[in-house]
Amino acid sequence: ETDAEEELKEAFKVFDKDQNGYISANELRHVMINLGEKLTDEEVEQMIKEADLDGDGQ
């Protein structure tokens, strides 16, 4: 693994609070608020839809 891959995995672990391998809408919202971004529910859902390439909701 490259350093960049390892850093990405570590960042994902921080976002994935329940360590289930997925970042939920609530986890994403929490991360964005901590980064100073106040998103509406619609904006969070749109981000999830754009990242959910296979449409399984995860």
N, C-alpha and C. Protein backbone atom coordinates (compact mmCIF):
# COMPACT_ATOMS: atom_id res chain seq x y z
N GLU A 1 0.84 -1.20 0.00
CA GLU A 1 0.00 0.00 0.00
C GLU A 1 0.87 1.25 0.00
N THR A 2 0.40 2.24 -0.70
CA THR A 2 1.11 3.51 -0.69
C THR A 2 0.70 4.30 0.54
N ASP A 3 1.46 5.33 0.85
CA ASP A 3 1.11 6.20 1.97
C ASP A 3 -0.26 6.84 1.76
N ALA A 4 -0.56 7.22 0.52
CA ALA A 4 -1.85 7.86 0.23
C ALA A 4 -3.00 6.90 0.50
N GLU A 5 -2.84 5.64 0.12
CA GLU A 5 -3.89 4.65 0.37
C GLU A 5 -4.10 4.45 1.86
N GLU A 6 -3.01 4.38 2.60
CA GLU A 6 -3.10 4.20 4.05
C GLU A 6 -3.77 5.41 4.71
N GLU A 7 -3.42 6.61 4.25
CA GLU A 7 -4.04 7.82 4.79
C GLU A 7 -5.54 7.85 4.50
N LEU A 8 -5.93 7.43 3.31
CA LEU A 8 -7.34 7.40 2.95
C LEU A 8 -8.10 6.41 3.83
N LYS A 9 -7.52 5.24 4.06
CA LYS A 9 -8.16 4.25 4.93
C LYS A 9 -8.31 4.78 6.35
N GLU A 10 -7.30 5.46 6.86
CA GLU A 10 -7.37 6.02 8.21
C GLU A 10 -8.44 7.11 8.29
N ALA A 11 -8.53 7.95 7.26
CA ALA A 11 -9.55 9.00 7.24
C ALA A 11 -10.94 8.37 7.21
N PHE A 12 -11.10 7.32 6.42
CA PHE A 12 -12.39 6.64 6.34
C PHE A 12 -12.80 6.09 7.70
N LYS A 13 -11.85 5.51 8.42
CA LYS A 13 -12.14 4.97 9.75
C LYS A 13 -12.65 6.05 10.69
N VAL A 14 -12.11 7.25 10.57
CA VAL A 14 -12.56 8.37 11.40
C VAL A 14 -14.01 8.70 11.07
N PHE A 15 -14.36 8.70 9.80
CA PHE A 15 -15.72 9.04 9.38
C PHE A 15 -16.71 7.92 9.69
N ASP A 16 -16.27 6.69 9.61
CA ASP A 16 -17.12 5.52 9.81
C ASP A 16 -17.21 5.21 11.30
N LYS A 17 -18.01 5.99 12.01
CA LYS A 17 -18.07 5.93 13.47
C LYS A 17 -18.42 4.55 14.02
N ASP A 18 -19.34 3.83 13.38
CA ASP A 18 -19.73 2.52 13.90
C ASP A 18 -18.90 1.38 13.30
N GLN A 19 -17.89 1.74 12.49
CA GLN A 19 -16.95 0.77 11.92
C GLN A 19 -17.63 -0.37 11.17
N ASN A 20 -18.69 -0.02 10.41
CA ASN A 20 -19.39 -1.06 9.65
C ASN A 20 -18.94 -1.11 8.19
N GLY A 21 -17.98 -0.27 7.82
CA GLY A 21 -17.47 -0.28 6.46
C GLY A 21 -18.17 0.68 5.53
N TYR A 22 -19.14 1.42 6.05
CA TYR A 22 -19.90 2.39 5.26
C TYR A 22 -19.99 3.70 6.02
N ILE A 23 -20.17 4.78 5.29
CA ILE A 23 -20.40 6.09 5.90
C ILE A 23 -21.87 6.43 5.68
N SER A 24 -22.62 6.49 6.77
CA SER A 24 -24.06 6.78 6.68
C SER A 24 -24.29 8.27 6.49
N ALA A 25 -25.52 8.62 6.17
CA ALA A 25 -25.88 10.04 6.04
C ALA A 25 -25.62 10.77 7.34
N ASN A 26 -25.95 10.14 8.47
CA ASN A 26 -25.71 10.79 9.76
C ASN A 26 -24.23 10.97 10.04
N GLU A 27 -23.42 9.96 9.70
CA GLU A 27 -21.98 10.08 9.89
C GLU A 27 -21.41 11.17 9.00
N LEU A 28 -21.87 11.23 7.75
CA LEU A 28 -21.42 12.27 6.83
C LEU A 28 -21.81 13.65 7.35
N ARG A 29 -23.03 13.79 7.81
CA ARG A 29 -23.51 15.06 8.35
C ARG A 29 -22.63 15.49 9.53
N HIS A 30 -22.33 14.55 10.43
CA HIS A 30 -21.50 14.84 11.60
C HIS A 30 -20.11 15.33 11.19
N VAL A 31 -19.51 14.64 10.23
CA VAL A 31 -18.19 15.03 9.74
C VAL A 31 -18.23 16.42 9.13
N MET A 32 -19.22 16.68 8.29
CA MET A 32 -19.30 17.98 7.62
C MET A 32 -19.52 19.11 8.62
N ILE A 33 -20.34 18.87 9.65
CA ILE A 33 -20.54 19.89 10.68
C ILE A 33 -19.23 20.16 11.40
N ASN A 34 -18.48 19.10 11.71
CA ASN A 34 -17.19 19.28 12.37
C ASN A 34 -16.20 20.04 11.50
N LEU A 35 -16.37 19.96 10.20
CA LEU A 35 -15.51 20.70 9.27
C LEU A 35 -16.02 22.12 9.03
N GLY A 36 -17.13 22.47 9.69
CA GLY A 36 -17.67 23.82 9.56
C GLY A 36 -18.70 23.98 8.47
N GLU A 37 -19.10 22.87 7.86
CA GLU A 37 -20.10 22.91 6.79
C GLU A 37 -21.47 22.60 7.36
N LYS A 38 -22.38 23.51 7.24
CA LYS A 38 -23.75 23.28 7.68
C LYS A 38 -24.57 22.88 6.45
N LEU A 39 -24.90 21.61 6.36
CA LEU A 39 -25.62 21.11 5.20
C LEU A 39 -27.07 20.80 5.56
N THR A 40 -27.94 21.01 4.59
CA THR A 40 -29.34 20.60 4.77
C THR A 40 -29.42 19.08 4.59
N ASP A 41 -30.52 18.49 5.01
CA ASP A 41 -30.73 17.06 4.80
C ASP A 41 -30.67 16.73 3.31
N GLU A 42 -31.22 17.62 2.50
CA GLU A 42 -31.23 17.40 1.05
C GLU A 42 -29.81 17.39 0.49
N GLU A 43 -28.95 18.29 0.98
CA GLU A 43 -27.57 18.33 0.51
C GLU A 43 -26.81 17.06 0.90
N VAL A 44 -27.04 16.59 2.12
CA VAL A 44 -26.39 15.35 2.56
C VAL A 44 -26.87 14.18 1.70
N GLU A 45 -28.17 14.09 1.48
CA GLU A 45 -28.71 13.00 0.66
C GLU A 45 -28.15 13.06 -0.76
N GLN A 46 -27.99 14.26 -1.31
CA GLN A 46 -27.43 14.41 -2.65
C GLN A 46 -25.99 13.92 -2.69
N MET A 47 -25.21 14.25 -1.65
CA MET A 47 -23.82 13.77 -1.59
C MET A 47 -23.78 12.25 -1.55
N ILE A 48 -24.68 11.65 -0.77
CA ILE A 48 -24.73 10.19 -0.68
C ILE A 48 -25.10 9.59 -2.04
N LYS A 49 -26.10 10.16 -2.70
CA LYS A 49 -26.52 9.65 -4.01
C LYS A 49 -25.39 9.72 -5.02
N GLU A 50 -24.63 10.81 -5.01
CA GLU A 50 -23.54 10.97 -5.96
C GLU A 50 -22.42 9.97 -5.70
N ALA A 51 -22.22 9.59 -4.44
CA ALA A 51 -21.15 8.65 -4.10
C ALA A 51 -21.59 7.20 -4.18
N ASP A 52 -22.89 6.95 -4.16
CA ASP A 52 -23.45 5.60 -4.15
C ASP A 52 -23.59 5.09 -5.58
N LEU A 53 -22.49 4.60 -6.12
CA LEU A 53 -22.44 4.26 -7.53
C LEU A 53 -23.34 3.11 -7.93
N ASP A 54 -23.56 2.15 -7.03
CA ASP A 54 -24.40 1.01 -7.40
C ASP A 54 -25.84 1.13 -6.89
N GLY A 55 -26.15 2.23 -6.21
CA GLY A 55 -27.52 2.50 -5.80
C GLY A 55 -28.03 1.64 -4.66
N ASP A 56 -27.12 1.03 -3.89
CA ASP A 56 -27.58 0.15 -2.80
C ASP A 56 -27.77 0.88 -1.48
N GLY A 57 -27.55 2.18 -1.48
CA GLY A 57 -27.75 2.96 -0.26
C GLY A 57 -26.58 2.90 0.70
N GLN A 58 -25.50 2.28 0.29
CA GLN A 58 -24.32 2.16 1.14
C GLN A 58 -23.09 2.59 0.39
